Amino acid sequence: MSLTPIGITFGLVAVLFIAVEAALVRWAGGGWGLRVRGSSQPATPLGWGPATRVVWLPATAEALVLTLLAALWFGSLGHGGWVLVFLMLGALAGGGDRWLRHRLLGTPAGAELKLFAAGLLKYLLAGWLSAWCLS
C-alpha cells in the first residue's frame, strides 16, 4: 500500500476527529447536562475556536494511530468485518473513560452514554472513510 492513500485517509480522519471532538467539547457542557458532583451549574460551552484549539492535537494523534491500524487491516489482514473491528475499537477507546467519569466525577449516566455513542459513531465513520480510501 502506498503512502498516498494512507495520507489522504489520515487527512480525512483527522478532520473528522477534530470536528467531532470540537463539537462534543462545545456542546457537552451546555446541552447534555454534564456536571461534576457538587456543582450546581453545567459547564459553559466553549466557542468553536477555543474548542478546536483544545482538541486538535489529541484528535490528530488519535487519527494517525487509527489510520495506521486501518492501513494494516485493509492492506494485509482483510476487507471484511471492518464494521465490527471499528465498533470494537471505538468501544475500547471510549467505554472505560466514560464509565470512570461517571463513577469518579459523578457525571450523569445519560450524558456519558450519549458521549459514548458519539464516540462509537466517530469510529464507525472513520472506518467507513478508511474502507473507502484504502480498499
Protein backbone atom coordinates (compact mmCIF):
# COMPACT_ATOMS: atom_id res chain seq x y z
CA MET A 1 0.00 0.00 0.00
CA SER A 2 1.44 3.37 -0.98
CA LEU A 3 1.65 6.41 1.24
CA THR A 4 -0.76 8.46 -0.89
CA PRO A 5 -3.99 6.67 0.13
CA ILE A 6 -2.74 6.47 3.71
CA GLY A 7 -2.05 10.21 3.72
CA ILE A 8 -5.44 11.03 2.21
CA THR A 9 -7.17 8.76 4.70
CA PHE A 10 -5.25 10.32 7.58
CA GLY A 11 -6.26 13.81 6.46
CA LEU A 12 -9.93 12.87 6.21
CA VAL A 13 -9.98 11.02 9.52
CA ALA A 14 -8.11 13.85 11.27
CA VAL A 15 -10.65 16.42 10.02
CA LEU A 16 -13.48 14.13 11.13
CA PHE A 17 -11.99 13.60 14.60
CA ILE A 18 -11.22 17.29 15.13
CA ALA A 19 -14.73 18.29 14.05
CA VAL A 20 -16.45 15.68 16.23
CA GLU A 21 -14.31 16.36 19.29
CA ALA A 22 -14.70 20.14 18.94
CA ALA A 23 -18.48 19.71 18.65
CA LEU A 24 -18.53 17.48 21.74
CA VAL A 25 -16.42 19.92 23.74
CA ARG A 26 -18.58 22.79 22.53
CA TRP A 27 -21.94 21.20 23.22
CA ALA A 28 -21.39 18.73 26.03
CA GLY A 29 -21.28 21.31 28.79
CA GLY A 30 -24.31 23.31 27.77
CA GLY A 31 -26.78 20.93 26.24
CA TRP A 32 -26.19 17.50 27.71
CA GLY A 33 -26.15 18.36 31.38
CA LEU A 34 -22.62 17.30 32.28
CA ARG A 35 -22.00 18.43 35.82
CA VAL A 36 -19.29 17.48 38.22
CA ARG A 37 -20.59 16.19 41.53
CA GLY A 38 -21.25 19.11 43.88
CA SER A 39 -21.53 21.68 41.09
CA SER A 40 -24.83 23.44 40.71
CA GLN A 41 -24.37 24.68 37.14
CA PRO A 42 -23.37 22.92 33.95
CA ALA A 43 -20.10 23.88 32.33
CA THR A 44 -20.25 26.83 29.96
CA PRO A 45 -19.73 25.74 26.35
CA LEU A 46 -16.59 26.97 24.64
CA GLY A 47 -16.66 28.77 21.32
CA TRP A 48 -15.66 26.92 18.15
CA GLY A 49 -12.17 28.45 18.03
CA PRO A 50 -11.14 27.57 21.61
CA ALA A 51 -12.78 24.14 21.32
CA THR A 52 -10.81 23.38 18.15
CA ARG A 53 -7.55 24.59 19.71
CA VAL A 54 -8.12 22.32 22.71
CA VAL A 55 -8.80 19.15 20.71
CA TRP A 56 -6.69 19.37 17.54
CA LEU A 57 -3.51 17.72 18.86
CA PRO A 58 -5.02 14.70 20.66
CA ALA A 59 -7.60 14.21 17.90
CA THR A 60 -4.88 14.31 15.23
CA ALA A 61 -2.72 11.83 17.14
CA GLU A 62 -5.71 9.50 17.58
CA ALA A 63 -6.49 9.81 13.86
CA LEU A 64 -2.90 8.93 12.95
CA VAL A 65 -2.89 5.78 15.07
CA LEU A 66 -6.29 4.69 13.81
CA THR A 67 -5.30 5.35 10.18
CA LEU A 68 -2.16 3.26 10.53
CA LEU A 69 -4.18 0.47 12.10
CA ALA A 70 -6.73 0.75 9.29
CA ALA A 71 -3.93 0.59 6.70
CA LEU A 72 -2.69 -2.58 8.36
CA TRP A 73 -6.19 -4.05 8.39
CA PHE A 74 -7.12 -3.19 4.82
CA GLY A 75 -3.64 -3.71 3.39
CA SER A 76 -2.88 -7.14 4.76
CA LEU A 77 -5.48 -8.69 7.02
CA GLY A 78 -8.68 -8.30 5.05
CA HIS A 79 -11.53 -6.14 3.92
CA GLY A 80 -14.48 -7.82 5.53
CA GLY A 81 -15.62 -7.28 9.07
CA TRP A 82 -14.40 -3.70 9.26
CA VAL A 83 -17.65 -2.52 10.87
CA LEU A 84 -17.18 -4.85 13.82
CA VAL A 85 -13.46 -4.03 14.10
CA PHE A 86 -14.06 -0.28 14.23
CA LEU A 87 -17.01 -0.60 16.62
CA MET A 88 -14.84 -2.63 19.00
CA LEU A 89 -12.03 -0.09 18.71
CA GLY A 90 -14.49 2.71 19.47
CA ALA A 91 -15.81 0.83 22.49
CA LEU A 92 -12.26 0.28 23.74
CA ALA A 93 -11.30 3.89 23.19
CA GLY A 94 -14.30 5.47 24.85
CA GLY A 95 -16.05 2.97 27.07
CA GLY A 96 -13.72 2.85 30.05
CA ASP A 97 -13.21 6.60 30.15
CA ARG A 98 -16.92 7.33 30.18
CA TRP A 99 -17.57 4.79 32.95
CA LEU A 100 -14.75 6.24 35.06
CA ARG A 101 -16.01 9.80 34.57
CA HIS A 102 -19.46 8.72 35.69
CA ARG A 103 -18.18 6.84 38.74
CA LEU A 104 -15.43 9.23 39.87
CA LEU A 105 -16.83 12.63 38.94
CA GLY A 106 -20.49 11.85 39.33
CA THR A 107 -21.47 12.97 35.85
CA PRO A 108 -24.94 11.83 34.73
CA ALA A 109 -25.03 8.37 33.19
CA GLY A 110 -27.31 9.51 30.37
CA ALA A 111 -24.92 12.25 29.30
CA GLU A 112 -21.97 9.85 29.37
CA LEU A 113 -23.96 7.33 27.35
CA LYS A 114 -24.62 9.98 24.69
CA LEU A 115 -20.92 10.83 24.56
CA PHE A 116 -20.05 7.12 24.32
CA ALA A 117 -22.50 6.71 21.42
CA ALA A 118 -20.96 9.75 19.70
CA GLY A 119 -17.52 8.14 20.09
CA LEU A 120 -18.74 4.89 18.58
CA LEU A 121 -20.24 6.79 15.65
CA LYS A 122 -16.95 8.68 15.22
CA TYR A 123 -15.02 5.43 14.96
CA LEU A 124 -17.59 3.88 12.64
CA LEU A 125 -17.35 6.89 10.30
CA ALA A 126 -13.55 6.69 10.44
CA GLY A 127 -13.79 3.02 9.50
CA TRP A 128 -16.06 3.86 6.58
CA LEU A 129 -13.63 6.56 5.38
CA SER A 130 -10.77 4.11 5.72
CA ALA A 131 -12.64 1.38 3.85
CA TRP A 132 -13.48 3.86 1.10
CA CYS A 133 -9.92 5.21 0.73
CA LEU A 134 -7.81 2.15 1.46
CA SER A 135 -9.79 -0.64 -0.21
